[in-house]
């Protein structure tokens, strides 16, 4: 279940960069220890 939580968080962070990263893809990163 934790994996899904962290992946959802990374996707949400990636959405913050919409329309500002062209031509690169949107990327969200969550570092988990």
PDB file of N, CA and C in Angstrom:
ATOM      1  N   UNK A   1       0.824  -1.194   0.000  1.00  0.00           N
ATOM      2  CA  UNK A   1       0.000   0.000   0.000  1.00  0.00           C
ATOM      3  C   UNK A   1       0.865   1.254   0.000  1.00  0.00           C
ATOM      4  N   UNK A   2       2.000   1.214   0.648  1.00  0.00           N
ATOM      5  CA  UNK A   2       2.845   2.399   0.687  1.00  0.00           C
ATOM      6  C   UNK A   2       3.348   2.783  -0.697  1.00  0.00           C
ATOM      7  N   UNK A   3       3.650   1.792  -1.535  1.00  0.00           N
ATOM      8  CA  UNK A   3       4.136   2.100  -2.872  1.00  0.00           C
ATOM      9  C   UNK A   3       3.128   2.946  -3.638  1.00  0.00           C
ATOM     10  N   UNK A   4       1.859   2.590  -3.549  1.00  0.00           N
ATOM     11  CA  UNK A   4       0.824   3.341  -4.249  1.00  0.00           C
ATOM     12  C   UNK A   4       0.730   4.771  -3.719  1.00  0.00           C
ATOM     13  N   UNK A   5       0.887   4.940  -2.428  1.00  0.00           N
ATOM     14  CA  UNK A   5       0.837   6.276  -1.827  1.00  0.00           C
ATOM     15  C   UNK A   5       1.962   7.148  -2.371  1.00  0.00           C
ATOM     16  N   UNK A   6       3.183   6.599  -2.389  1.00  0.00           N
ATOM     17  CA  UNK A   6       4.326   7.378  -2.848  1.00  0.00           C
ATOM     18  C   UNK A   6       4.260   7.649  -4.346  1.00  0.00           C
ATOM     19  N   UNK A   7       3.767   6.695  -5.120  1.00  0.00           N
ATOM     20  CA  UNK A   7       3.618   6.918  -6.554  1.00  0.00           C
ATOM     21  C   UNK A   7       2.580   7.994  -6.824  1.00  0.00           C
ATOM     22  N   UNK A   8       1.476   7.977  -6.094  1.00  0.00           N
ATOM     23  CA  UNK A   8       0.444   9.010  -6.252  1.00  0.00           C
ATOM     24  C   UNK A   8       1.009  10.376  -5.898  1.00  0.00           C
ATOM     25  N   UNK A   9       1.842  10.430  -4.863  1.00  0.00           N
ATOM     26  CA  UNK A   9       2.461  11.702  -4.467  1.00  0.00           C
ATOM     27  C   UNK A   9       3.398  12.208  -5.560  1.00  0.00           C
ATOM     28  N   UNK A  10       4.180  11.318  -6.161  1.00  0.00           N
ATOM     29  CA  UNK A  10       5.087  11.706  -7.239  1.00  0.00           C
ATOM     30  C   UNK A  10       4.310  12.212  -8.448  1.00  0.00           C
ATOM     31  N   UNK A  11       3.204  11.562  -8.773  1.00  0.00           N
ATOM     32  CA  UNK A  11       2.387  12.018  -9.899  1.00  0.00           C
ATOM     33  C   UNK A  11       1.781  13.384  -9.619  1.00  0.00           C
ATOM     34  N   UNK A  12       1.367  13.608  -8.383  1.00  0.00           N
ATOM     35  CA  UNK A  12       0.805  14.904  -8.008  1.00  0.00           C
ATOM     36  C   UNK A  12       1.869  15.997  -8.121  1.00  0.00           C
ATOM     37  N   UNK A  13       3.076  15.692  -7.699  1.00  0.00           N
ATOM     38  CA  UNK A  13       4.161  16.661  -7.827  1.00  0.00           C
ATOM     39  C   UNK A  13       4.477  16.949  -9.294  1.00  0.00           C
ATOM     40  N   UNK A  14       4.424  15.925 -10.133  1.00  0.00           N
ATOM     41  CA  UNK A  14       4.702  16.111 -11.555  1.00  0.00           C
ATOM     42  C   UNK A  14       3.676  17.028 -12.198  1.00  0.00           C
ATOM     43  N   UNK A  15       2.449  16.971 -11.746  1.00  0.00           N
ATOM     44  CA  UNK A  15       1.404  17.829 -12.308  1.00  0.00           C
ATOM     45  C   UNK A  15       1.683  19.304 -12.069  1.00  0.00           C
ATOM     46  N   UNK A  16       2.428  19.620 -11.035  1.00  0.00           N
ATOM     47  CA  UNK A  16       2.748  21.021 -10.739  1.00  0.00           C
ATOM     48  C   UNK A  16       3.589  21.656 -11.842  1.00  0.00           C
ATOM     49  N   UNK A  17       4.306  20.826 -12.615  1.00  0.00           N
ATOM     50  CA  UNK A  17       5.156  21.342 -13.677  1.00  0.00           C
ATOM     51  C   UNK A  17       4.498  21.375 -15.041  1.00  0.00           C
ATOM     52  N   UNK A  18       3.199  21.130 -15.088  1.00  0.00           N
ATOM     53  CA  UNK A  18       2.508  21.113 -16.388  1.00  0.00           C
ATOM     54  C   UNK A  18       2.720  22.421 -17.129  1.00  0.00           C
ATOM     55  N   UNK A  19       2.962  22.303 -18.422  1.00  0.00           N
ATOM     56  CA  UNK A  19       3.120  23.429 -19.339  1.00  0.00           C
ATOM     57  C   UNK A  19       4.390  24.236 -19.082  1.00  0.00           C
ATOM     58  N   UNK A  20       5.292  23.749 -18.244  1.00  0.00           N
ATOM     59  CA  UNK A  20       6.526  24.501 -17.988  1.00  0.00           C
ATOM     60  C   UNK A  20       7.778  23.692 -18.302  1.00  0.00           C
ATOM     61  N   UNK A  21       7.630  22.440 -18.703  1.00  0.00           N
ATOM     62  CA  UNK A  21       8.807  21.594 -18.904  1.00  0.00           C
ATOM     63  C   UNK A  21       9.045  21.223 -20.364  1.00  0.00           C
ATOM     64  N   UNK A  22       8.276  21.769 -21.280  1.00  0.00           N
ATOM     65  CA  UNK A  22       8.393  21.433 -22.704  1.00  0.00           C
ATOM     66  C   UNK A  22       9.809  21.709 -23.180  1.00  0.00           C
ATOM     67  N   UNK A  23      10.474  20.855 -23.879  1.00  0.00           N
ATOM     68  CA  UNK A  23      10.044  19.605 -24.489  1.00  0.00           C
ATOM     69  C   UNK A  23      10.281  18.387 -23.590  1.00  0.00           C
ATOM     70  N   UNK A  24      10.707  18.588 -22.369  1.00  0.00           N
ATOM     71  CA  UNK A  24      10.968  17.469 -21.462  1.00  0.00           C
ATOM     72  C   UNK A  24       9.673  16.982 -20.811  1.00  0.00           C
ATOM     73  N   UNK A  25       9.672  15.757 -20.330  1.00  0.00           N
ATOM     74  CA  UNK A  25       8.470  15.240 -19.658  1.00  0.00           C
ATOM     75  C   UNK A  25       8.326  15.816 -18.253  1.00  0.00           C
ATOM     76  N   UNK A  26       7.116  15.800 -17.741  1.00  0.00           N
ATOM     77  CA  UNK A  26       6.881  16.187 -16.349  1.00  0.00           C
ATOM     78  C   UNK A  26       7.400  15.067 -15.459  1.00  0.00           C
ATOM     79  N   UNK A  27       8.083  15.437 -14.396  1.00  0.00           N
ATOM     80  CA  UNK A  27       8.668  14.442 -13.496  1.00  0.00           C
ATOM     81  C   UNK A  27       8.395  14.847 -12.058  1.00  0.00           C
ATOM     82  N   UNK A  28       7.951  13.888 -11.266  1.00  0.00           N
ATOM     83  CA  UNK A  28       7.806  14.099  -9.831  1.00  0.00           C
ATOM     84  C   UNK A  28       8.662  13.071  -9.118  1.00  0.00           C
ATOM     85  N   UNK A  29       9.252  13.459  -8.020  1.00  0.00           N
ATOM     86  CA  UNK A  29      10.155  12.554  -7.314  1.00  0.00           C
ATOM     87  C   UNK A  29       9.863  12.582  -5.826  1.00  0.00           C
ATOM     88  N   UNK A  30       9.781  11.404  -5.240  1.00  0.00           N
ATOM     89  CA  UNK A  30       9.637  11.264  -3.797  1.00  0.00           C
ATOM     90  C   UNK A  30      10.742  10.312  -3.348  1.00  0.00           C
ATOM     91  N   UNK A  31      11.601  10.783  -2.460  1.00  0.00           N
ATOM     92  CA  UNK A  31      12.683   9.950  -1.948  1.00  0.00           C
ATOM     93  C   UNK A  31      12.234   9.360  -0.617  1.00  0.00           C
ATOM     94  N   UNK A  32      12.280   8.042  -0.534  1.00  0.00           N
ATOM     95  CA  UNK A  32      11.795   7.336   0.650  1.00  0.00           C
ATOM     96  C   UNK A  32      12.953   6.551   1.255  1.00  0.00           C
ATOM     97  N   UNK A  33      13.090   6.680   2.539  1.00  0.00           N
ATOM     98  CA  UNK A  33      14.148   5.945   3.226  1.00  0.00           C
ATOM     99  C   UNK A  33      13.571   4.681   3.833  1.00  0.00           C
TER     100      UNK A  33
END
